Amino acid sequence: MAATMTHYVSPNRLRTIAASVPKVYIMTGDEDHLVRPENSYHLKSCMPEAEFEVWENFGHSVFAQHPKRFGEKMAQVMQDGWNLRETSLQAQRTAG
């Protein structure tokens, strides 16, 4: 919420966010004129464990420009996140 109101999230807060969820995926279109790709590179620098991808010849609305590819990628990201969560929970059970 703070990010939408201030258009700023501190690097420390970004690291906290990345550490609190199983999977972070950052993507940008190389022709995005609404959110400059440099901003996505900044997010990646603050969240080094995040997966980062630049989609060539895409603007801001990648979901509308190539819905099948976007949907497949989102399904993969969600599955990866679920798998990481399950692995973490299993490790906690084993350690406990």
C-alpha atoms as a PDB file:
ATOM      1  CA  MET A   1       0.000   0.000   0.000  1.00  0.00           C
ATOM      2  CA  ALA A   2       2.799   2.398   0.888  1.00  0.00           C
ATOM      3  CA  ALA A   3       4.445   1.824  -2.488  1.00  0.00           C
ATOM      4  CA  THR A   4       1.299   2.797  -4.377  1.00  0.00           C
ATOM      5  CA  MET A   5       0.907   5.979  -2.338  1.00  0.00           C
ATOM      6  CA  THR A   6       4.537   7.098  -2.303  1.00  0.00           C
ATOM      7  CA  HIS A   7       5.938   5.307  -5.352  1.00  0.00           C
ATOM      8  CA  TYR A   8       8.850   4.281  -3.139  1.00  0.00           C
ATOM      9  CA  VAL A   9       9.814   1.213  -1.140  1.00  0.00           C
ATOM     10  CA  SER A  10      13.146   1.235   0.651  1.00  0.00           C
ATOM     11  CA  PRO A  11      15.764  -1.378  -0.235  1.00  0.00           C
ATOM     12  CA  ASN A  12      15.485  -2.785   3.298  1.00  0.00           C
ATOM     13  CA  ARG A  13      11.730  -3.190   2.921  1.00  0.00           C
ATOM     14  CA  LEU A  14      12.212  -4.892  -0.453  1.00  0.00           C
ATOM     15  CA  ARG A  15      14.625  -7.367   1.173  1.00  0.00           C
ATOM     16  CA  THR A  16      12.064  -8.010   3.933  1.00  0.00           C
ATOM     17  CA  ILE A  17       9.357  -8.648   1.354  1.00  0.00           C
ATOM     18  CA  ALA A  18      11.604 -11.025  -0.596  1.00  0.00           C
ATOM     19  CA  ALA A  19      12.467 -12.927   2.582  1.00  0.00           C
ATOM     20  CA  SER A  20       8.823 -13.297   3.603  1.00  0.00           C
ATOM     21  CA  VAL A  21       7.528 -15.061   0.497  1.00  0.00           C
ATOM     22  CA  PRO A  22       8.707 -18.282  -1.144  1.00  0.00           C
ATOM     23  CA  LYS A  23       9.132 -16.883  -4.669  1.00  0.00           C
ATOM     24  CA  VAL A  24       9.600 -13.419  -6.147  1.00  0.00           C
ATOM     25  CA  TYR A  25       9.413 -12.989  -9.900  1.00  0.00           C
ATOM     26  CA  ILE A  26      10.292  -9.641 -11.451  1.00  0.00           C
ATOM     27  CA  MET A  27       9.646  -9.130 -15.120  1.00  0.00           C
ATOM     28  CA  THR A  28       9.733  -6.166 -17.399  1.00  0.00           C
ATOM     29  CA  GLY A  29       9.116  -5.477 -21.023  1.00  0.00           C
ATOM     30  CA  ASP A  30      12.113  -3.880 -22.695  1.00  0.00           C
ATOM     31  CA  GLU A  31       9.748  -1.350 -24.316  1.00  0.00           C
ATOM     32  CA  ASP A  32       7.762  -0.508 -21.160  1.00  0.00           C
ATOM     33  CA  HIS A  33       7.146   3.259 -21.098  1.00  0.00           C
ATOM     34  CA  LEU A  34       4.940   3.228 -17.992  1.00  0.00           C
ATOM     35  CA  VAL A  35       7.378   1.529 -15.602  1.00  0.00           C
ATOM     36  CA  ARG A  36      10.865   1.964 -16.945  1.00  0.00           C
ATOM     37  CA  PRO A  37      12.905  -1.250 -17.084  1.00  0.00           C
ATOM     38  CA  GLU A  38      15.572   0.455 -14.927  1.00  0.00           C
ATOM     39  CA  ASN A  39      13.109   0.291 -12.039  1.00  0.00           C
ATOM     40  CA  SER A  40      12.834  -3.469 -12.437  1.00  0.00           C
ATOM     41  CA  TYR A  41      16.633  -3.746 -12.439  1.00  0.00           C
ATOM     42  CA  HIS A  42      16.604  -1.785  -9.165  1.00  0.00           C
ATOM     43  CA  LEU A  43      14.084  -4.223  -7.662  1.00  0.00           C
ATOM     44  CA  LYS A  44      16.320  -7.119  -8.663  1.00  0.00           C
ATOM     45  CA  SER A  45      19.365  -5.463  -7.076  1.00  0.00           C
ATOM     46  CA  CYS A  46      17.427  -5.235  -3.784  1.00  0.00           C
ATOM     47  CA  MET A  47      16.044  -8.770  -4.094  1.00  0.00           C
ATOM     48  CA  PRO A  48      18.999 -10.844  -5.328  1.00  0.00           C
ATOM     49  CA  GLU A  49      17.203 -14.170  -4.854  1.00  0.00           C
ATOM     50  CA  ALA A  50      14.329 -13.058  -7.089  1.00  0.00           C
ATOM     51  CA  GLU A  51      13.935 -14.470 -10.558  1.00  0.00           C
ATOM     52  CA  PHE A  52      14.302 -11.660 -13.085  1.00  0.00           C
ATOM     53  CA  GLU A  53      13.365 -11.650 -16.728  1.00  0.00           C
ATOM     54  CA  VAL A  54      13.275  -9.025 -19.458  1.00  0.00           C
ATOM     55  CA  TRP A  55      10.746  -9.778 -22.185  1.00  0.00           C
ATOM     56  CA  GLU A  56      12.034  -8.497 -25.515  1.00  0.00           C
ATOM     57  CA  ASN A  57       9.735  -6.416 -27.724  1.00  0.00           C
ATOM     58  CA  PHE A  58       7.142  -6.027 -24.955  1.00  0.00           C
ATOM     59  CA  GLY A  59       5.675  -2.965 -23.316  1.00  0.00           C
ATOM     60  CA  HIS A  60       3.819  -2.661 -20.010  1.00  0.00           C
ATOM     61  CA  SER A  61       0.844  -4.898 -20.810  1.00  0.00           C
ATOM     62  CA  VAL A  62       2.652  -8.162 -21.446  1.00  0.00           C
ATOM     63  CA  PHE A  63      -0.395 -10.078 -20.214  1.00  0.00           C
ATOM     64  CA  ALA A  64      -2.426  -8.582 -23.072  1.00  0.00           C
ATOM     65  CA  GLN A  65       0.332  -8.711 -25.673  1.00  0.00           C
ATOM     66  CA  HIS A  66       0.998 -12.414 -25.213  1.00  0.00           C
ATOM     67  CA  PRO A  67      -1.595 -13.901 -22.831  1.00  0.00           C
ATOM     68  CA  LYS A  68      -0.628 -17.546 -23.347  1.00  0.00           C
ATOM     69  CA  ARG A  69       3.060 -17.012 -22.604  1.00  0.00           C
ATOM     70  CA  PHE A  70       2.203 -14.770 -19.641  1.00  0.00           C
ATOM     71  CA  GLY A  71      -0.291 -17.287 -18.226  1.00  0.00           C
ATOM     72  CA  GLU A  72       2.167 -20.145 -18.557  1.00  0.00           C
ATOM     73  CA  LYS A  73       4.863 -18.115 -16.807  1.00  0.00           C
ATOM     74  CA  MET A  74       2.546 -17.127 -13.953  1.00  0.00           C
ATOM     75  CA  ALA A  75       1.487 -20.764 -13.506  1.00  0.00           C
ATOM     76  CA  GLN A  76       5.161 -21.778 -13.356  1.00  0.00           C
ATOM     77  CA  VAL A  77       5.990 -19.031 -10.821  1.00  0.00           C
ATOM     78  CA  MET A  78       3.080 -20.072  -8.594  1.00  0.00           C
ATOM     79  CA  GLN A  79       4.057 -23.733  -8.800  1.00  0.00           C
ATOM     80  CA  ASP A  80       7.685 -22.879  -8.006  1.00  0.00           C
ATOM     81  CA  GLY A  81       6.539 -20.833  -5.005  1.00  0.00           C
ATOM     82  CA  TRP A  82       4.327 -23.656  -3.793  1.00  0.00           C
ATOM     83  CA  ASN A  83       7.168 -26.163  -4.147  1.00  0.00           C
ATOM     84  CA  LEU A  84       9.583 -23.901  -2.256  1.00  0.00           C
ATOM     85  CA  ARG A  85       7.008 -23.440   0.502  1.00  0.00           C
ATOM     86  CA  GLU A  86       6.441 -27.177   0.810  1.00  0.00           C
ATOM     87  CA  THR A  87      10.189 -27.850   0.898  1.00  0.00           C
ATOM     88  CA  SER A  88      10.628 -25.255   3.628  1.00  0.00           C
ATOM     89  CA  LEU A  89       7.761 -26.677   5.687  1.00  0.00           C
ATOM     90  CA  GLN A  90       9.154 -30.202   5.321  1.00  0.00           C
ATOM     91  CA  ALA A  91      12.592 -29.020   6.487  1.00  0.00           C
ATOM     92  CA  GLN A  92      11.005 -27.319   9.505  1.00  0.00           C
ATOM     93  CA  ARG A  93       9.121 -30.510  10.406  1.00  0.00           C
ATOM     94  CA  THR A  94      12.287 -32.580  10.067  1.00  0.00           C
ATOM     95  CA  ALA A  95      14.340 -30.145  12.164  1.00  0.00           C
ATOM     96  CA  GLY A  96      11.638 -29.812  14.833  1.00  0.00           C
END
